[in-house]
């Protein structure tokens, strides 16, 4: 179920995936492997995965397994989505030759 939903959203250029972890009750080995799989698939397409609403217990498990540095953590899914928007807004190009005639 989860993987079907994930795969339906990953097949784009630069996928921006937010995983709402507010209902995650257990952070066991299969869950850690699933997170790594999601991150790898997103990164293959120049995208990223952000985690939202991760419990302190789950974060401790991620840290203990050396995975905390792989993810960005946000308190809410809204904050995680907004973090992608900040990256996609590029400053307007500046033309340093404006007003210069050859």
N, C-alpha and C. Protein backbone atom coordinates (compact mmCIF):
# COMPACT_ATOMS: atom_id res chain seq x y z
N UNK A 1 0.81 -1.18 0.00
CA UNK A 1 0.00 0.00 0.00
C UNK A 1 0.86 1.27 0.00
N UNK A 2 1.72 1.39 1.00
CA UNK A 2 2.57 2.57 1.08
C UNK A 2 3.46 2.67 -0.16
N UNK A 3 4.10 1.56 -0.53
CA UNK A 3 5.01 1.60 -1.67
C UNK A 3 4.29 1.93 -2.97
N UNK A 4 3.06 1.45 -3.14
CA UNK A 4 2.29 1.80 -4.33
C UNK A 4 2.05 3.30 -4.39
N UNK A 5 1.68 3.87 -3.27
CA UNK A 5 1.44 5.31 -3.20
C UNK A 5 2.74 6.08 -3.45
N UNK A 6 3.81 5.62 -2.84
CA UNK A 6 5.11 6.26 -3.00
C UNK A 6 5.54 6.23 -4.47
N UNK A 7 5.45 5.06 -5.09
CA UNK A 7 5.88 4.91 -6.48
C UNK A 7 5.06 5.77 -7.43
N UNK A 8 3.82 6.03 -7.09
CA UNK A 8 3.00 6.87 -7.95
C UNK A 8 3.43 8.34 -7.91
N UNK A 9 4.21 8.72 -6.90
CA UNK A 9 4.66 10.11 -6.77
C UNK A 9 6.15 10.31 -7.05
N UNK A 10 6.89 9.23 -7.15
CA UNK A 10 8.34 9.34 -7.27
C UNK A 10 8.81 9.47 -8.71
N UNK A 11 8.01 9.07 -9.66
CA UNK A 11 8.46 9.02 -11.04
C UNK A 11 8.34 10.37 -11.74
N UNK A 12 8.98 11.37 -11.17
CA UNK A 12 9.04 12.72 -11.73
C UNK A 12 10.46 13.23 -11.58
N UNK A 13 10.77 14.28 -12.31
CA UNK A 13 12.08 14.90 -12.17
C UNK A 13 12.11 15.69 -10.86
N UNK A 14 13.11 15.48 -10.05
CA UNK A 14 13.31 16.17 -8.76
C UNK A 14 12.11 16.01 -7.81
N UNK A 15 11.78 14.78 -7.45
CA UNK A 15 10.65 14.58 -6.53
C UNK A 15 10.91 15.19 -5.16
N UNK A 16 9.92 15.84 -4.63
CA UNK A 16 9.97 16.44 -3.30
C UNK A 16 8.97 15.67 -2.44
N UNK A 17 9.48 14.75 -1.66
CA UNK A 17 8.63 13.84 -0.90
C UNK A 17 8.66 14.21 0.58
N UNK A 18 7.48 14.34 1.16
CA UNK A 18 7.35 14.56 2.60
C UNK A 18 6.65 13.34 3.18
N UNK A 19 7.30 12.72 4.15
CA UNK A 19 6.71 11.59 4.83
C UNK A 19 6.25 12.04 6.22
N UNK A 20 4.94 12.01 6.42
CA UNK A 20 4.36 12.37 7.72
C UNK A 20 4.49 11.16 8.63
N UNK A 21 5.32 11.28 9.63
CA UNK A 21 5.61 10.16 10.53
C UNK A 21 4.81 10.22 11.83
N UNK A 22 3.78 11.03 11.85
CA UNK A 22 3.01 11.21 13.08
C UNK A 22 2.31 9.93 13.53
N UNK A 23 2.07 9.01 12.62
CA UNK A 23 1.40 7.76 12.99
C UNK A 23 2.34 6.58 13.07
N UNK A 24 3.63 6.84 12.95
CA UNK A 24 4.62 5.76 13.05
C UNK A 24 4.74 5.35 14.50
N UNK A 25 4.41 4.12 14.77
CA UNK A 25 4.44 3.61 16.15
C UNK A 25 5.71 2.84 16.46
N UNK A 26 6.35 2.34 15.42
CA UNK A 26 7.51 1.49 15.61
C UNK A 26 8.56 1.84 14.58
N UNK A 27 9.78 2.05 15.01
CA UNK A 27 10.87 2.35 14.10
C UNK A 27 11.83 1.15 14.14
N UNK A 28 11.39 0.07 13.48
CA UNK A 28 12.18 -1.15 13.46
C UNK A 28 13.03 -1.22 12.19
N UNK A 29 13.77 -2.30 12.04
CA UNK A 29 14.68 -2.45 10.89
C UNK A 29 13.94 -2.31 9.55
N UNK A 30 12.80 -2.97 9.34
CA UNK A 30 12.10 -2.79 8.06
C UNK A 30 11.69 -1.33 7.80
N UNK A 31 11.33 -0.62 8.84
CA UNK A 31 10.96 0.79 8.69
C UNK A 31 12.17 1.62 8.29
N UNK A 32 13.31 1.36 8.92
CA UNK A 32 14.54 2.07 8.57
C UNK A 32 14.93 1.78 7.12
N UNK A 33 14.80 0.52 6.72
CA UNK A 33 15.12 0.14 5.34
C UNK A 33 14.17 0.82 4.36
N UNK A 34 12.92 0.96 4.72
CA UNK A 34 11.95 1.63 3.87
C UNK A 34 12.29 3.11 3.70
N UNK A 35 12.70 3.75 4.78
CA UNK A 35 13.10 5.16 4.70
C UNK A 35 14.31 5.33 3.78
N UNK A 36 15.28 4.44 3.90
CA UNK A 36 16.46 4.51 3.04
C UNK A 36 16.08 4.27 1.59
N UNK A 37 15.20 3.31 1.34
CA UNK A 37 14.73 3.05 -0.02
C UNK A 37 14.08 4.30 -0.61
N UNK A 38 13.21 4.94 0.15
CA UNK A 38 12.53 6.15 -0.32
C UNK A 38 13.54 7.25 -0.65
N UNK A 39 14.49 7.44 0.24
CA UNK A 39 15.51 8.46 0.02
C UNK A 39 16.36 8.15 -1.21
N UNK A 40 16.78 6.90 -1.36
CA UNK A 40 17.58 6.52 -2.52
C UNK A 40 16.82 6.75 -3.82
N UNK A 41 15.55 6.36 -3.86
CA UNK A 41 14.76 6.54 -5.08
C UNK A 41 14.58 8.02 -5.42
N UNK A 42 14.38 8.84 -4.41
CA UNK A 42 14.24 10.28 -4.64
C UNK A 42 15.57 10.87 -5.13
N UNK A 43 16.66 10.46 -4.52
CA UNK A 43 17.96 11.01 -4.88
C UNK A 43 18.39 10.59 -6.28
N UNK A 44 17.97 9.41 -6.73
CA UNK A 44 18.28 8.97 -8.10
C UNK A 44 17.69 9.94 -9.12
N UNK A 45 16.66 10.65 -8.71
CA UNK A 45 15.96 11.58 -9.60
C UNK A 45 16.24 13.04 -9.21
N UNK A 46 17.33 13.24 -8.45
CA UNK A 46 17.72 14.57 -7.96
C UNK A 46 16.69 15.20 -7.03
N UNK A 47 15.99 14.36 -6.29
CA UNK A 47 14.99 14.84 -5.34
C UNK A 47 15.44 14.60 -3.91
N UNK A 48 14.50 14.73 -3.00
CA UNK A 48 14.81 14.55 -1.58
C UNK A 48 13.57 14.11 -0.84
N UNK A 49 13.79 13.58 0.35
CA UNK A 49 12.72 13.17 1.25
C UNK A 49 12.88 13.93 2.55
N UNK A 50 11.80 14.52 3.02
CA UNK A 50 11.79 15.22 4.30
C UNK A 50 10.86 14.46 5.24
N UNK A 51 11.20 14.44 6.51
CA UNK A 51 10.38 13.75 7.50
C UNK A 51 9.67 14.76 8.39
N UNK A 52 8.39 14.54 8.59
CA UNK A 52 7.58 15.44 9.42
C UNK A 52 7.02 14.68 10.61
N UNK A 53 6.91 15.39 11.72
CA UNK A 53 6.28 14.86 12.94
C UNK A 53 6.91 13.56 13.42
N UNK A 54 8.22 13.53 13.44
CA UNK A 54 8.94 12.35 13.93
C UNK A 54 8.99 12.42 15.45
N UNK A 55 8.58 11.35 16.11
CA UNK A 55 8.60 11.33 17.57
C UNK A 55 10.05 11.36 18.06
N UNK A 56 10.23 11.81 19.28
CA UNK A 56 11.59 11.86 19.83
C UNK A 56 12.19 10.46 19.94
N UNK A 57 11.35 9.48 20.23
CA UNK A 57 11.83 8.09 20.30
C UNK A 57 12.30 7.61 18.92
N UNK A 58 11.54 7.91 17.88
CA UNK A 58 11.93 7.51 16.53
C UNK A 58 13.20 8.23 16.09
N UNK A 59 13.30 9.50 16.45
CA UNK A 59 14.50 10.27 16.10
C UNK A 59 15.73 9.69 16.79
N UNK A 60 15.57 9.26 18.02
CA UNK A 60 16.67 8.64 18.76
C UNK A 60 17.12 7.36 18.06
N UNK A 61 16.16 6.58 17.56
CA UNK A 61 16.50 5.34 16.85
C UNK A 61 17.23 5.67 15.55
N UNK A 62 16.76 6.69 14.83
CA UNK A 62 17.45 7.10 13.60
C UNK A 62 18.86 7.55 13.91
N UNK A 63 19.03 8.31 14.98
CA UNK A 63 20.36 8.77 15.38
C UNK A 63 21.25 7.59 15.75
N UNK A 64 20.70 6.64 16.50
CA UNK A 64 21.45 5.47 16.93
C UNK A 64 21.90 4.59 15.78
N UNK A 65 21.19 4.67 14.66
CA UNK A 65 21.54 3.89 13.48
C UNK A 65 22.31 4.71 12.44
N UNK A 66 22.73 5.91 12.84
CA UNK A 66 23.52 6.75 11.96
C UNK A 66 22.74 7.32 10.78
N UNK A 67 21.42 7.41 10.90
CA UNK A 67 20.59 7.86 9.79
C UNK A 67 20.04 9.27 9.95
N UNK A 68 20.20 9.86 11.10
CA UNK A 68 19.61 11.18 11.35
C UNK A 68 20.18 12.24 10.42
N UNK A 69 21.44 12.12 10.04
CA UNK A 69 22.06 13.11 9.17
C UNK A 69 21.60 13.00 7.71
N UNK A 70 20.92 11.93 7.39
CA UNK A 70 20.45 11.73 6.02
C UNK A 70 19.15 12.48 5.72
N UNK A 71 18.43 12.85 6.77
CA UNK A 71 17.11 13.44 6.60
C UNK A 71 17.02 14.82 7.24
N UNK A 72 16.10 15.62 6.72
CA UNK A 72 15.72 16.88 7.34
C UNK A 72 14.44 16.60 8.12
N UNK A 73 14.37 17.09 9.35
CA UNK A 73 13.21 16.86 10.22
C UNK A 73 12.42 18.15 10.41
N UNK A 74 11.10 18.04 10.39
CA UNK A 74 10.22 19.18 10.59
C UNK A 74 9.10 18.79 11.54
N UNK A 75 8.62 19.76 12.28
CA UNK A 75 7.56 19.49 13.24
C UNK A 75 6.25 19.12 12.55
N UNK A 76 5.97 19.74 11.42
CA UNK A 76 4.72 19.47 10.72
C UNK A 76 4.98 19.22 9.23
N UNK A 77 4.01 18.61 8.58
CA UNK A 77 4.14 18.39 7.14
C UNK A 77 4.10 19.71 6.38
N UNK A 78 3.39 20.69 6.90
CA UNK A 78 3.32 22.01 6.26
C UNK A 78 4.71 22.65 6.24
N UNK A 79 5.43 22.54 7.34
CA UNK A 79 6.79 23.09 7.39
C UNK A 79 7.71 22.35 6.42
N UNK A 80 7.55 21.05 6.33
CA UNK A 80 8.39 20.25 5.43
C UNK A 80 8.13 20.63 3.98
N UNK A 81 6.87 20.78 3.61
CA UNK A 81 6.52 21.19 2.24
C UNK A 81 7.08 22.57 1.96
N UNK A 82 6.95 23.47 2.91
CA UNK A 82 7.46 24.84 2.73
C UNK A 82 8.98 24.84 2.53
N UNK A 83 9.68 23.91 3.14
CA UNK A 83 11.13 23.87 2.98
C UNK A 83 11.52 23.58 1.53
N UNK A 84 10.71 22.82 0.83
CA UNK A 84 10.98 22.59 -0.59
C UNK A 84 10.69 23.84 -1.40
N UNK A 85 9.68 24.57 -1.03
CA UNK A 85 9.34 25.79 -1.77
C UNK A 85 10.46 26.81 -1.67
N UNK A 86 11.07 26.91 -0.50
CA UNK A 86 12.18 27.85 -0.33
C UNK A 86 13.33 27.53 -1.27
N UNK A 87 13.56 26.24 -1.51
CA UNK A 87 14.65 25.84 -2.40
C UNK A 87 14.34 26.12 -3.85
N UNK A 88 13.07 26.06 -4.22
CA UNK A 88 12.72 26.20 -5.63
C UNK A 88 12.61 27.66 -6.06
N UNK A 89 12.64 28.57 -5.12
CA UNK A 89 12.55 29.99 -5.47
C UNK A 89 13.96 30.53 -5.63
N UNK A 90 14.34 30.72 -6.87
CA UNK A 90 15.69 31.22 -7.15
C UNK A 90 15.64 32.72 -7.32
N UNK A 91 16.69 33.40 -6.93
CA UNK A 91 16.72 34.85 -7.12
C UNK A 91 16.75 35.16 -8.61
N UNK A 92 16.21 36.30 -9.00
CA UNK A 92 16.22 36.64 -10.42
C UNK A 92 17.66 36.81 -10.90
N UNK A 93 17.90 36.43 -12.16
CA UNK A 93 19.28 36.58 -12.66
C UNK A 93 19.66 38.05 -12.76
N UNK A 94 20.90 38.31 -12.49
CA UNK A 94 21.39 39.68 -12.61
C UNK A 94 22.24 39.76 -13.85
N UNK A 95 22.09 40.81 -14.57
CA UNK A 95 22.87 41.01 -15.78
C UNK A 95 23.90 42.09 -15.47
N UNK A 96 25.12 41.65 -15.26
CA UNK A 96 26.17 42.59 -14.88
C UNK A 96 26.61 43.47 -16.06
N UNK A 97 26.14 43.13 -17.26
CA UNK A 97 26.52 43.93 -18.42
C UNK A 97 25.45 44.93 -18.82
N UNK A 98 24.41 45.04 -18.03
CA UNK A 98 23.33 45.97 -18.36
C UNK A 98 23.87 47.39 -18.41
N UNK A 99 23.56 48.08 -19.49
CA UNK A 99 23.98 49.47 -19.62
C UNK A 99 25.39 49.63 -20.16
N UNK A 100 26.08 48.52 -20.45
CA UNK A 100 27.42 48.59 -20.97
C UNK A 100 27.35 48.38 -22.49
N UNK A 101 27.94 49.28 -23.24
CA UNK A 101 27.95 49.12 -24.70
C UNK A 101 29.33 48.73 -25.15
N UNK A 102 29.39 47.84 -26.12
CA UNK A 102 30.72 47.39 -26.58
C UNK A 102 31.44 48.45 -27.38
